[in-house]
Amino acid sequence: MTSLTEQNLPLIQIHALIEQYFATFLTGPALKRATHAFERTFPPGSATTWLNQTASDPLWNGLLIALRCGQLLPHPNQVVVGQIYGSQQTGAQLAHDFANWQQERLLLLCLDTKNQIVKRQVVFQGTLNSCPAHPREIMQTALTVATARIVIAHNHPSGDVTPSKKDVEFTKRLQLAGEIVGVPLLDSFVIGANDYFSFAEQGLVNCNTDSQ
């Protein structure tokens, strides 16, 4: 039997499951109080130690039973669609993949704890020289699978891989969003004509994976 944490569910997803359960019965401040009270007694990060316990509160006990039932369901193996070995290898592969794209696109790579790619998706597509991207939607997409960290890449149809001021600002915003939800940004690439720019290689992105 695998636990929630052994399935590599980020803590924010375990928190969301708890909050969704209480939202069935409560709203507003009462919902927040119930969620916080439950998580003080049963921290999401220690799920393996409390899932088999019981609680005197019927509402709490119902949640514990529901989570245990979820453990009994079959969990399909995560589909792996690639592997990240390093910025140089990844940048070269992305330059090849983006070669025929005339519009600017933003590609999201969702990685597990072994840096295997478990989801690959174009999350935004823009005009010839613009791509309206939002960190919120990127993180929402990443959290649909067991994502430990992410890599993003977008192309400059002009062929120049020099990151623009907007590229730098967006990468900083996405890195901050990742730190908040527990899904750090491993690298950000700008892809051009058979070339790439890696924010990690240039020291502009620093992902500490020791705690992942």
N, C-alpha and C. Protein backbone atom coordinates (compact mmCIF):
# COMPACT_ATOMS: atom_id res chain seq x y z
N MET A 1 0.85 -1.19 0.00
CA MET A 1 0.00 0.00 0.00
C MET A 1 0.88 1.24 0.00
N THR A 2 0.67 2.15 -0.93
CA THR A 2 1.48 3.36 -1.01
C THR A 2 0.77 4.51 -0.33
N SER A 3 1.54 5.37 0.34
CA SER A 3 0.95 6.51 1.03
C SER A 3 0.88 7.71 0.10
N LEU A 4 0.20 8.75 0.58
CA LEU A 4 0.10 9.97 -0.21
C LEU A 4 1.47 10.54 -0.51
N THR A 5 2.34 10.57 0.50
CA THR A 5 3.66 11.14 0.28
C THR A 5 4.53 10.24 -0.57
N GLU A 6 4.35 8.93 -0.49
CA GLU A 6 5.12 8.01 -1.32
C GLU A 6 4.71 8.11 -2.77
N GLN A 7 3.50 8.65 -3.05
CA GLN A 7 3.07 8.87 -4.42
C GLN A 7 3.64 10.18 -4.96
N ASN A 8 4.52 10.83 -4.18
CA ASN A 8 5.16 12.09 -4.57
C ASN A 8 4.16 13.23 -4.74
N LEU A 9 3.03 13.19 -4.01
CA LEU A 9 2.10 14.30 -4.06
C LEU A 9 2.70 15.49 -3.33
N PRO A 10 2.80 16.66 -3.98
CA PRO A 10 3.29 17.84 -3.26
C PRO A 10 2.39 18.14 -2.08
N LEU A 11 2.95 18.74 -1.02
CA LEU A 11 2.17 19.03 0.18
C LEU A 11 0.97 19.90 -0.13
N ILE A 12 1.10 20.79 -1.13
CA ILE A 12 -0.02 21.67 -1.46
C ILE A 12 -1.20 20.86 -1.97
N GLN A 13 -0.95 19.71 -2.63
CA GLN A 13 -2.04 18.89 -3.13
C GLN A 13 -2.72 18.14 -1.99
N ILE A 14 -1.94 17.69 -1.00
CA ILE A 14 -2.53 17.03 0.16
C ILE A 14 -3.38 18.05 0.92
N HIS A 15 -2.86 19.27 1.05
CA HIS A 15 -3.63 20.34 1.71
C HIS A 15 -4.93 20.59 0.95
N ALA A 16 -4.87 20.60 -0.39
CA ALA A 16 -6.07 20.85 -1.19
C ALA A 16 -7.11 19.75 -0.97
N LEU A 17 -6.67 18.50 -0.86
CA LEU A 17 -7.60 17.40 -0.61
C LEU A 17 -8.31 17.59 0.73
N ILE A 18 -7.55 17.99 1.75
CA ILE A 18 -8.13 18.21 3.08
C ILE A 18 -9.14 19.36 3.03
N GLU A 19 -8.76 20.44 2.36
CA GLU A 19 -9.64 21.61 2.29
C GLU A 19 -10.91 21.29 1.51
N GLN A 20 -10.78 20.52 0.42
CA GLN A 20 -11.96 20.16 -0.37
C GLN A 20 -12.94 19.32 0.44
N TYR A 21 -12.41 18.45 1.29
CA TYR A 21 -13.28 17.63 2.13
C TYR A 21 -14.10 18.51 3.07
N PHE A 22 -13.44 19.41 3.79
CA PHE A 22 -14.16 20.25 4.74
C PHE A 22 -15.11 21.22 4.03
N ALA A 23 -14.79 21.58 2.77
CA ALA A 23 -15.66 22.48 2.01
C ALA A 23 -17.00 21.84 1.69
N THR A 24 -17.08 20.51 1.81
CA THR A 24 -18.35 19.82 1.60
C THR A 24 -19.34 20.15 2.72
N PHE A 25 -18.82 20.50 3.90
CA PHE A 25 -19.67 20.73 5.06
C PHE A 25 -19.63 22.18 5.57
N LEU A 26 -18.53 22.89 5.27
CA LEU A 26 -18.33 24.21 5.87
C LEU A 26 -18.00 25.25 4.80
N THR A 27 -18.16 26.51 5.16
CA THR A 27 -17.80 27.61 4.26
C THR A 27 -17.14 28.73 5.06
N GLY A 28 -16.51 29.65 4.34
CA GLY A 28 -15.97 30.86 4.95
C GLY A 28 -14.96 30.60 6.05
N PRO A 29 -15.01 31.42 7.10
CA PRO A 29 -14.04 31.29 8.21
C PRO A 29 -14.08 29.93 8.88
N ALA A 30 -15.27 29.32 8.95
CA ALA A 30 -15.38 28.00 9.58
C ALA A 30 -14.58 26.96 8.81
N LEU A 31 -14.57 27.09 7.48
CA LEU A 31 -13.81 26.17 6.64
C LEU A 31 -12.31 26.31 6.92
N LYS A 32 -11.84 27.55 6.99
CA LYS A 32 -10.41 27.78 7.24
C LYS A 32 -10.02 27.29 8.63
N ARG A 33 -10.88 27.54 9.62
CA ARG A 33 -10.56 27.11 10.99
C ARG A 33 -10.47 25.59 11.07
N ALA A 34 -11.41 24.91 10.42
CA ALA A 34 -11.42 23.44 10.47
C ALA A 34 -10.19 22.86 9.77
N THR A 35 -9.84 23.44 8.62
CA THR A 35 -8.67 22.96 7.88
C THR A 35 -7.40 23.15 8.69
N HIS A 36 -7.23 24.34 9.26
CA HIS A 36 -6.03 24.63 10.05
C HIS A 36 -5.95 23.75 11.29
N ALA A 37 -7.09 23.55 11.95
CA ALA A 37 -7.11 22.73 13.16
C ALA A 37 -6.73 21.29 12.84
N PHE A 38 -7.27 20.76 11.74
CA PHE A 38 -6.95 19.39 11.35
C PHE A 38 -5.47 19.25 11.03
N GLU A 39 -4.92 20.22 10.29
CA GLU A 39 -3.53 20.12 9.86
C GLU A 39 -2.55 20.36 11.01
N ARG A 40 -2.99 21.02 12.07
CA ARG A 40 -2.13 21.14 13.25
C ARG A 40 -1.98 19.78 13.94
N THR A 41 -3.05 19.01 13.93
CA THR A 41 -3.02 17.68 14.56
C THR A 41 -2.46 16.63 13.61
N PHE A 42 -2.81 16.74 12.33
CA PHE A 42 -2.38 15.78 11.32
C PHE A 42 -1.68 16.53 10.18
N PRO A 43 -0.39 16.88 10.35
CA PRO A 43 0.33 17.66 9.33
C PRO A 43 0.41 16.92 8.00
N PRO A 44 0.15 17.60 6.87
CA PRO A 44 0.23 16.95 5.56
C PRO A 44 1.58 16.31 5.28
N GLY A 45 2.66 16.90 5.79
CA GLY A 45 3.99 16.36 5.55
C GLY A 45 4.30 15.09 6.31
N SER A 46 3.41 14.71 7.24
CA SER A 46 3.62 13.49 8.04
C SER A 46 2.49 12.49 7.83
N ALA A 47 1.94 12.47 6.62
CA ALA A 47 0.77 11.64 6.35
C ALA A 47 1.01 10.17 6.64
N THR A 48 2.24 9.70 6.42
CA THR A 48 2.51 8.27 6.64
C THR A 48 2.35 7.87 8.09
N THR A 49 2.45 8.82 9.01
CA THR A 49 2.38 8.49 10.44
C THR A 49 0.98 8.57 11.01
N TRP A 50 0.05 9.26 10.34
CA TRP A 50 -1.27 9.44 10.94
C TRP A 50 -2.44 8.88 10.13
N LEU A 51 -2.20 8.38 8.94
CA LEU A 51 -3.33 7.92 8.12
C LEU A 51 -4.10 6.77 8.75
N ASN A 52 -3.45 5.96 9.56
CA ASN A 52 -4.14 4.82 10.17
C ASN A 52 -4.67 5.13 11.56
N GLN A 53 -4.60 6.39 11.97
CA GLN A 53 -5.13 6.78 13.27
C GLN A 53 -6.62 7.11 13.17
N THR A 54 -7.24 7.30 14.31
CA THR A 54 -8.65 7.70 14.36
C THR A 54 -8.75 9.00 15.14
N ALA A 55 -9.89 9.67 15.00
CA ALA A 55 -10.12 10.93 15.69
C ALA A 55 -11.47 10.88 16.39
N SER A 56 -11.59 11.61 17.49
CA SER A 56 -12.85 11.63 18.23
C SER A 56 -13.91 12.44 17.50
N ASP A 57 -13.49 13.44 16.75
CA ASP A 57 -14.42 14.26 15.98
C ASP A 57 -14.91 13.46 14.78
N PRO A 58 -16.22 13.24 14.62
CA PRO A 58 -16.73 12.44 13.49
C PRO A 58 -16.33 13.00 12.13
N LEU A 59 -16.28 14.33 12.02
CA LEU A 59 -15.91 14.95 10.75
C LEU A 59 -14.46 14.64 10.41
N TRP A 60 -13.59 14.76 11.40
CA TRP A 60 -12.18 14.44 11.20
C TRP A 60 -12.00 12.96 10.87
N ASN A 61 -12.72 12.13 11.61
CA ASN A 61 -12.59 10.69 11.40
C ASN A 61 -13.05 10.31 9.99
N GLY A 62 -14.08 10.99 9.50
CA GLY A 62 -14.55 10.72 8.14
C GLY A 62 -13.48 11.03 7.10
N LEU A 63 -12.72 12.11 7.33
CA LEU A 63 -11.64 12.46 6.41
C LEU A 63 -10.53 11.42 6.46
N LEU A 64 -10.16 10.97 7.65
CA LEU A 64 -9.12 9.95 7.77
C LEU A 64 -9.53 8.66 7.05
N ILE A 65 -10.79 8.29 7.19
CA ILE A 65 -11.29 7.08 6.51
C ILE A 65 -11.26 7.28 5.00
N ALA A 66 -11.66 8.47 4.53
CA ALA A 66 -11.67 8.74 3.10
C ALA A 66 -10.26 8.67 2.52
N LEU A 67 -9.28 9.22 3.24
CA LEU A 67 -7.90 9.18 2.77
C LEU A 67 -7.37 7.75 2.74
N ARG A 68 -7.76 6.94 3.73
CA ARG A 68 -7.33 5.54 3.73
C ARG A 68 -7.95 4.79 2.57
N CYS A 69 -9.21 5.09 2.26
CA CYS A 69 -9.87 4.45 1.11
C CYS A 69 -9.13 4.80 -0.19
N GLY A 70 -8.65 6.04 -0.26
CA GLY A 70 -7.91 6.45 -1.45
C GLY A 70 -6.63 5.66 -1.63
N GLN A 71 -6.02 5.25 -0.52
CA GLN A 71 -4.81 4.43 -0.60
C GLN A 71 -5.08 3.06 -1.20
N LEU A 72 -6.30 2.56 -1.00
CA LEU A 72 -6.62 1.21 -1.46
C LEU A 72 -6.91 1.16 -2.96
N LEU A 73 -7.15 2.33 -3.57
CA LEU A 73 -7.44 2.35 -5.00
C LEU A 73 -6.17 2.09 -5.79
N PRO A 74 -6.28 1.41 -6.95
CA PRO A 74 -5.08 1.19 -7.77
C PRO A 74 -4.56 2.50 -8.32
N HIS A 75 -3.26 2.69 -8.27
CA HIS A 75 -2.63 3.91 -8.78
C HIS A 75 -1.81 3.55 -10.01
N PRO A 76 -2.21 4.02 -11.20
CA PRO A 76 -1.45 3.69 -12.41
C PRO A 76 -0.05 4.27 -12.34
N ASN A 77 0.89 3.56 -12.96
CA ASN A 77 2.26 4.05 -13.00
C ASN A 77 2.32 5.36 -13.77
N GLN A 78 3.16 6.26 -13.28
CA GLN A 78 3.33 7.54 -13.94
C GLN A 78 3.98 7.34 -15.30
N VAL A 79 3.42 7.98 -16.32
CA VAL A 79 3.98 7.88 -17.66
C VAL A 79 5.19 8.80 -17.76
N VAL A 80 6.31 8.25 -18.17
CA VAL A 80 7.54 9.02 -18.32
C VAL A 80 7.75 9.30 -19.80
N VAL A 81 7.89 10.58 -20.16
CA VAL A 81 8.02 10.94 -21.58
C VAL A 81 9.41 11.47 -21.91
N GLY A 82 10.32 11.41 -20.97
CA GLY A 82 11.68 11.88 -21.23
C GLY A 82 12.47 11.98 -19.95
N GLN A 83 13.68 12.48 -20.06
CA GLN A 83 14.58 12.59 -18.91
C GLN A 83 15.41 13.86 -19.06
N ILE A 84 15.60 14.56 -17.94
CA ILE A 84 16.47 15.73 -17.92
C ILE A 84 17.82 15.31 -17.33
N TYR A 85 18.89 15.47 -18.10
CA TYR A 85 20.23 15.12 -17.63
C TYR A 85 21.07 16.34 -17.31
N GLY A 86 20.82 17.45 -17.96
CA GLY A 86 21.59 18.66 -17.73
C GLY A 86 21.17 19.74 -18.71
N SER A 87 21.59 20.97 -18.45
CA SER A 87 21.17 22.09 -19.28
C SER A 87 21.66 21.96 -20.72
N GLN A 88 22.89 21.49 -20.92
CA GLN A 88 23.44 21.40 -22.27
C GLN A 88 22.66 20.40 -23.12
N GLN A 89 22.42 19.21 -22.56
CA GLN A 89 21.68 18.19 -23.29
C GLN A 89 20.25 18.64 -23.55
N THR A 90 19.62 19.24 -22.53
CA THR A 90 18.24 19.68 -22.66
C THR A 90 18.12 20.82 -23.66
N GLY A 91 19.05 21.79 -23.57
CA GLY A 91 19.02 22.91 -24.50
C GLY A 91 19.17 22.48 -25.95
N ALA A 92 20.09 21.54 -26.20
CA ALA A 92 20.30 21.05 -27.57
C ALA A 92 19.05 20.35 -28.09
N GLN A 93 18.41 19.55 -27.24
CA GLN A 93 17.20 18.84 -27.65
C GLN A 93 16.06 19.82 -27.92
N LEU A 94 15.93 20.83 -27.06
CA LEU A 94 14.87 21.82 -27.24
C LEU A 94 15.08 22.64 -28.51
N ALA A 95 16.34 22.97 -28.82
CA ALA A 95 16.64 23.71 -30.05
C ALA A 95 16.19 22.91 -31.27
N HIS A 96 16.36 21.61 -31.21
CA HIS A 96 15.91 20.74 -32.29
C HIS A 96 14.38 20.70 -32.35
N ASP A 97 13.74 20.58 -31.18
CA ASP A 97 12.28 20.48 -31.12
C ASP A 97 11.59 21.76 -31.60
N PHE A 98 12.19 22.91 -31.30
CA PHE A 98 11.58 24.20 -31.64
C PHE A 98 11.91 24.65 -33.06
N ALA A 99 12.71 23.90 -33.78
CA ALA A 99 13.27 24.36 -35.06
C ALA A 99 12.23 24.87 -36.05
N ASN A 100 11.08 24.22 -36.13
CA ASN A 100 10.09 24.58 -37.15
C ASN A 100 8.95 25.43 -36.62
N TRP A 101 9.07 25.93 -35.40
CA TRP A 101 8.00 26.75 -34.83
C TRP A 101 8.22 28.21 -35.20
N GLN A 102 7.29 28.79 -35.93
CA GLN A 102 7.40 30.17 -36.37
C GLN A 102 6.80 31.14 -35.35
N GLN A 103 5.83 30.67 -34.58
CA GLN A 103 5.25 31.50 -33.53
C GLN A 103 5.97 31.26 -32.22
N GLU A 104 5.90 32.24 -31.33
CA GLU A 104 6.52 32.07 -30.03
C GLU A 104 5.63 31.17 -29.17
N ARG A 105 6.24 30.15 -28.59
CA ARG A 105 5.51 29.21 -27.74
C ARG A 105 6.26 29.00 -26.44
N LEU A 106 5.50 28.68 -25.41
CA LEU A 106 6.08 28.38 -24.10
C LEU A 106 5.80 26.93 -23.77
N LEU A 107 6.86 26.17 -23.59
CA LEU A 107 6.77 24.74 -23.31
C LEU A 107 7.05 24.50 -21.83
N LEU A 108 6.21 23.69 -21.21
CA LEU A 108 6.38 23.31 -19.80
C LEU A 108 6.77 21.85 -19.72
N LEU A 109 7.84 21.57 -18.98
CA LEU A 109 8.26 20.20 -18.68
C LEU A 109 8.10 19.98 -17.18
N CYS A 110 7.28 19.00 -16.81
CA CYS A 110 7.06 18.66 -15.41
C CYS A 110 7.93 17.45 -15.07
N LEU A 111 8.72 17.56 -14.02
CA LEU A 111 9.67 16.51 -13.67
C LEU A 111 9.30 15.88 -12.34
N ASP A 112 9.64 14.58 -12.20
CA ASP A 112 9.47 13.93 -10.91
C ASP A 112 10.75 14.09 -10.10
N THR A 113 10.86 13.38 -8.99
CA THR A 113 12.02 13.54 -8.12
C THR A 113 13.31 13.01 -8.74
N LYS A 114 13.19 12.20 -9.82
CA LYS A 114 14.37 11.68 -10.51
C LYS A 114 14.67 12.47 -11.79
N ASN A 115 14.01 13.62 -11.94
CA ASN A 115 14.14 14.47 -13.13
C ASN A 115 13.67 13.77 -14.39
N GLN A 116 12.76 12.82 -14.24
CA GLN A 116 12.10 12.24 -15.40
C GLN A 116 10.92 13.13 -15.78
N ILE A 117 10.72 13.32 -17.08
CA ILE A 117 9.64 14.19 -17.56
C ILE A 117 8.34 13.41 -17.53
N VAL A 118 7.41 13.84 -16.68
CA VAL A 118 6.13 13.15 -16.55
C VAL A 118 5.00 13.90 -17.25
N LYS A 119 5.27 15.10 -17.70
CA LYS A 119 4.30 15.86 -18.49
C LYS A 119 5.04 16.87 -19.34
N ARG A 120 4.65 16.96 -20.60
CA ARG A 120 5.25 17.91 -21.54
C ARG A 120 4.11 18.58 -22.28
N GLN A 121 4.00 19.90 -22.14
CA GLN A 121 2.83 20.57 -22.70
C GLN A 121 3.16 22.00 -23.11
N VAL A 122 2.69 22.39 -24.30
CA VAL A 122 2.76 23.79 -24.71
C VAL A 122 1.65 24.52 -23.97
N VAL A 123 2.01 25.42 -23.09
CA VAL A 123 1.01 26.07 -22.24
C VAL A 123 0.57 27.42 -22.77
N PHE A 124 1.38 28.03 -23.63
CA PHE A 124 1.00 29.30 -24.24
C PHE A 124 1.55 29.37 -25.65
N GLN A 125 0.80 30.05 -26.51
CA GLN A 125 1.25 30.30 -27.87
C GLN A 125 0.88 31.72 -28.23
N GLY A 126 1.85 32.47 -28.73
CA GLY A 126 1.62 33.88 -28.99
C GLY A 126 1.65 34.22 -30.46
N THR A 127 1.76 35.52 -30.73
CA THR A 127 1.88 36.00 -32.10
C THR A 127 3.32 35.83 -32.53
N LEU A 128 3.70 36.50 -33.60
CA LEU A 128 5.05 36.31 -34.13
C LEU A 128 6.12 36.66 -33.12
N ASN A 129 5.86 37.67 -32.27
CA ASN A 129 6.91 38.10 -31.34
C ASN A 129 6.41 38.29 -29.91
N SER A 130 5.31 37.64 -29.56
CA SER A 130 4.84 37.76 -28.18
C SER A 130 4.13 36.49 -27.75
N CYS A 131 4.19 36.24 -26.45
CA CYS A 131 3.58 35.03 -25.89
C CYS A 131 3.06 35.36 -24.49
N PRO A 132 1.75 35.62 -24.34
CA PRO A 132 1.21 36.02 -23.04
C PRO A 132 1.20 34.86 -22.05
N ALA A 133 2.12 34.86 -21.11
CA ALA A 133 2.25 33.75 -20.17
C ALA A 133 1.96 34.24 -18.75
N HIS A 134 1.42 33.34 -17.92
CA HIS A 134 1.07 33.67 -16.55
C HIS A 134 1.53 32.56 -15.62
N PRO A 135 2.34 32.86 -14.60
CA PRO A 135 2.82 31.83 -13.67
C PRO A 135 1.70 31.03 -13.03
N ARG A 136 0.56 31.67 -12.76
CA ARG A 136 -0.54 30.97 -12.10
C ARG A 136 -1.00 29.76 -12.91
N GLU A 137 -1.23 29.96 -14.21
CA GLU A 137 -1.70 28.87 -15.06
C GLU A 137 -0.64 27.78 -15.22
N ILE A 138 0.63 28.18 -15.24
CA ILE A 138 1.71 27.20 -15.36
C ILE A 138 1.74 26.30 -14.13
N MET A 139 1.62 26.89 -12.94
CA MET A 139 1.64 26.09 -11.72
C MET A 139 0.40 25.21 -11.62
N GLN A 140 -0.74 25.72 -12.07
CA GLN A 140 -1.95 24.90 -12.06
C GLN A 140 -1.78 23.67 -12.95
N THR A 141 -1.15 23.86 -14.10
CA THR A 141 -0.90 22.73 -15.00
C THR A 141 0.08 21.75 -14.37
N ALA A 142 1.13 22.27 -13.74
CA ALA A 142 2.14 21.40 -13.12
C ALA A 142 1.54 20.55 -12.01
N LEU A 143 0.57 21.08 -11.29
CA LEU A 143 0.01 20.37 -10.15
C LEU A 143 -1.03 19.32 -10.54
N THR A 144 -1.28 19.17 -11.85
CA THR A 144 -2.20 18.11 -12.28
C THR A 144 -1.52 16.74 -12.28
N VAL A 145 -0.19 16.72 -12.16
CA VAL A 145 0.56 15.47 -12.05
C VAL A 145 1.49 15.58 -10.85
N ALA A 146 2.16 14.47 -10.52
CA ALA A 146 3.07 14.47 -9.36
C ALA A 146 4.37 15.15 -9.75
N THR A 147 4.35 16.48 -9.76
CA THR A 147 5.49 17.27 -10.20
C THR A 147 6.37 17.66 -9.02
N ALA A 148 7.67 17.37 -9.13
CA ALA A 148 8.62 17.77 -8.09
C ALA A 148 9.27 19.10 -8.43
N ARG A 149 9.48 19.35 -9.72
CA ARG A 149 10.08 20.59 -10.19
C ARG A 149 9.75 20.76 -11.66
N ILE A 150 9.97 21.95 -12.19
CA ILE A 150 9.61 22.21 -13.58
C ILE A 150 10.76 22.85 -14.34
N VAL A 151 10.69 22.72 -15.66
CA VAL A 151 11.56 23.42 -16.60
C VAL A 151 10.65 24.09 -17.62
N ILE A 152 10.96 25.32 -17.99
CA ILE A 152 10.20 25.98 -19.05
C ILE A 152 11.14 26.37 -20.18
N ALA A 153 10.57 26.50 -21.36
CA ALA A 153 11.36 26.93 -22.52
C ALA A 153 10.43 27.68 -23.47
N HIS A 154 10.94 28.76 -24.03
CA HIS A 154 10.18 29.46 -25.07
C HIS A 154 11.14 29.88 -26.16
N ASN A 155 10.61 30.04 -27.34
CA ASN A 155 11.45 30.35 -28.50
C ASN A 155 11.34 31.82 -28.89
N HIS A 156 12.41 32.32 -29.48
CA HIS A 156 12.43 33.63 -30.12
C HIS A 156 12.48 33.39 -31.62
N PRO A 157 11.37 33.59 -32.33
CA PRO A 157 11.38 33.34 -33.78
C PRO A 157 12.44 34.13 -34.53
N SER A 158 12.93 35.23 -33.94
CA SER A 158 13.98 36.02 -34.59
C SER A 158 15.29 35.26 -34.65
N GLY A 159 15.45 34.23 -33.80
CA GLY A 159 16.68 33.46 -33.75
C GLY A 159 17.65 33.93 -32.69
N ASP A 160 17.45 35.12 -32.14
CA ASP A 160 18.33 35.67 -31.11
C ASP A 160 17.92 35.10 -29.75
N VAL A 161 18.85 34.43 -29.08
CA VAL A 161 18.51 33.79 -27.81
C VAL A 161 18.74 34.70 -26.60
N THR A 162 19.13 35.94 -26.83
CA THR A 162 19.33 36.86 -25.71
C THR A 162 17.99 37.10 -25.01
N PRO A 163 17.89 36.82 -23.72
CA PRO A 163 16.61 37.01 -23.03
C PRO A 163 16.26 38.49 -22.94
N SER A 164 14.99 38.79 -23.17
CA SER A 164 14.52 40.16 -23.05
C SER A 164 14.30 40.51 -21.58
N LYS A 165 14.04 41.78 -21.32
CA LYS A 165 13.74 42.21 -19.96
C LYS A 165 12.50 41.49 -19.44
N LYS A 166 11.50 41.32 -20.33
CA LYS A 166 10.28 40.61 -19.94
C LYS A 166 10.57 39.14 -19.63
N ASP A 167 11.49 38.53 -20.39
CA ASP A 167 11.87 37.13 -20.13
C ASP A 167 12.46 36.99 -18.72
N VAL A 168 13.33 37.91 -18.37
CA VAL A 168 13.98 37.87 -17.05
C VAL A 168 12.96 38.09 -15.95
N GLU A 169 12.08 39.07 -16.13
CA GLU A 169 11.07 39.37 -15.12
C GLU A 169 10.11 38.20 -14.95
N PHE A 170 9.70 37.60 -16.07
CA PHE A 170 8.76 36.47 -15.99
C PHE A 170 9.40 35.28 -15.29
N THR A 171 10.67 35.01 -15.60
CA THR A 171 11.36 33.89 -14.96
C THR A 171 11.45 34.10 -13.45
N LYS A 172 11.72 35.33 -13.03
CA LYS A 172 11.78 35.63 -11.60
C LYS A 172 10.43 35.41 -10.94
N ARG A 173 9.35 35.84 -11.61
CA ARG A 173 8.00 35.67 -11.06
C ARG A 173 7.65 34.19 -10.96
N LEU A 174 8.02 33.42 -11.98
CA LEU A 174 7.71 31.99 -11.97
C LEU A 174 8.52 31.27 -10.91
N GLN A 175 9.77 31.67 -10.74
CA GLN A 175 10.61 31.07 -9.70
C GLN A 175 10.02 31.33 -8.32
N LEU A 176 9.54 32.54 -8.09
CA LEU A 176 8.92 32.87 -6.81
C LEU A 176 7.64 32.07 -6.60
N ALA A 177 6.83 31.95 -7.65
CA ALA A 177 5.59 31.17 -7.54
C ALA A 177 5.90 29.71 -7.22
N GLY A 178 6.95 29.18 -7.84
CA GLY A 178 7.33 27.79 -7.58
C GLY A 178 7.78 27.58 -6.15
N GLU A 179 8.50 28.55 -5.61
CA GLU A 179 8.95 28.45 -4.22
C GLU A 179 7.76 28.46 -3.26
N ILE A 180 6.73 29.23 -3.61
CA ILE A 180 5.55 29.34 -2.75
C ILE A 180 4.78 28.03 -2.70
N VAL A 181 4.59 27.38 -3.86
CA VAL A 181 3.77 26.16 -3.91
C VAL A 181 4.59 24.89 -3.76
N GLY A 182 5.91 25.01 -3.65
CA GLY A 182 6.74 23.82 -3.45
C GLY A 182 7.08 23.08 -4.72
N VAL A 183 7.02 23.76 -5.86
CA VAL A 183 7.40 23.16 -7.15
C VAL A 183 8.44 24.08 -7.78
N PRO A 184 9.71 23.94 -7.42
CA PRO A 184 10.73 24.89 -7.86
C PRO A 184 11.01 24.83 -9.36
N LEU A 185 11.48 25.96 -9.87
CA LEU A 185 11.89 26.07 -11.27
C LEU A 185 13.34 25.63 -11.39
N LEU A 186 13.57 24.56 -12.16
CA LEU A 186 14.92 24.02 -12.32
C LEU A 186 15.73 24.81 -13.35
N ASP A 187 15.07 25.20 -14.44
CA ASP A 187 15.76 25.98 -15.47
C ASP A 187 14.73 26.63 -16.38
N SER A 188 15.17 27.69 -17.04
CA SER A 188 14.34 28.39 -18.02
C SER A 188 15.21 28.60 -19.26
N PHE A 189 14.68 28.21 -20.42
CA PHE A 189 15.45 28.28 -21.66
C PHE A 189 14.82 29.27 -22.63
N VAL A 190 15.68 29.98 -23.35
CA VAL A 190 15.27 30.74 -24.52
C VAL A 190 15.89 30.02 -25.72
N ILE A 191 15.05 29.66 -26.68
CA ILE A 191 15.51 28.88 -27.83
C ILE A 191 15.51 29.76 -29.08
N GLY A 192 16.60 29.67 -29.85
CA GLY A 192 16.71 30.43 -31.09
C GLY A 192 17.12 29.52 -32.23
N ALA A 193 17.81 30.08 -33.20
CA ALA A 193 18.23 29.33 -34.38
C ALA A 193 19.38 28.39 -34.02
N ASN A 194 19.05 27.13 -33.76
CA ASN A 194 20.05 26.11 -33.41
C ASN A 194 20.90 26.53 -32.21
N ASP A 195 20.31 27.27 -31.30
CA ASP A 195 21.04 27.74 -30.14
C ASP A 195 20.07 27.87 -28.97
N TYR A 196 20.60 28.05 -27.78
CA TYR A 196 19.75 28.21 -26.61
C TYR A 196 20.45 29.08 -25.58
N PHE A 197 19.65 29.63 -24.68
CA PHE A 197 20.16 30.36 -23.51
C PHE A 197 19.55 29.70 -22.29
N SER A 198 20.38 29.29 -21.35
CA SER A 198 19.93 28.65 -20.12
C SER A 198 20.11 29.59 -18.94
N PHE A 199 19.02 29.90 -18.25
CA PHE A 199 19.10 30.76 -17.08
C PHE A 199 19.92 30.08 -15.98
N ALA A 200 19.81 28.76 -15.86
CA ALA A 200 20.56 28.04 -14.83
C ALA A 200 22.06 28.09 -15.11
N GLU A 201 22.45 27.89 -16.37
CA GLU A 201 23.87 27.93 -16.73
C GLU A 201 24.49 29.29 -16.42
N GLN A 202 23.68 30.34 -16.55
CA GLN A 202 24.18 31.69 -16.31
C GLN A 202 24.02 32.13 -14.86
N GLY A 203 23.55 31.21 -14.00
CA GLY A 203 23.40 31.54 -12.59
C GLY A 203 22.20 32.41 -12.27
N LEU A 204 21.25 32.51 -13.21
CA LEU A 204 20.07 33.35 -13.01
C LEU A 204 18.92 32.57 -12.39
N VAL A 205 19.03 31.25 -12.36
CA VAL A 205 18.06 30.38 -11.68
C VAL A 205 18.86 29.43 -10.81
N ASN A 206 18.48 29.34 -9.56
CA ASN A 206 19.18 28.46 -8.63
C ASN A 206 18.15 27.59 -7.93
N CYS A 207 18.05 26.34 -8.37
CA CYS A 207 17.07 25.42 -7.80
C CYS A 207 17.76 24.48 -6.83
N ASN A 208 17.41 24.58 -5.56
CA ASN A 208 17.96 23.68 -4.54
C ASN A 208 17.09 22.44 -4.47
N THR A 209 17.60 21.31 -4.98
CA THR A 209 16.81 20.08 -5.02
C THR A 209 17.14 19.14 -3.88
N ASP A 210 17.96 19.58 -2.94
CA ASP A 210 18.37 18.69 -1.85
C ASP A 210 17.21 18.25 -0.99
N SER A 211 16.20 19.13 -0.86
CA SER A 211 15.07 18.83 0.02
C SER A 211 13.93 18.18 -0.71
N GLN A 212 14.09 17.96 -2.03
CA GLN A 212 13.00 17.38 -2.79
C GLN A 212 12.96 15.89 -2.61
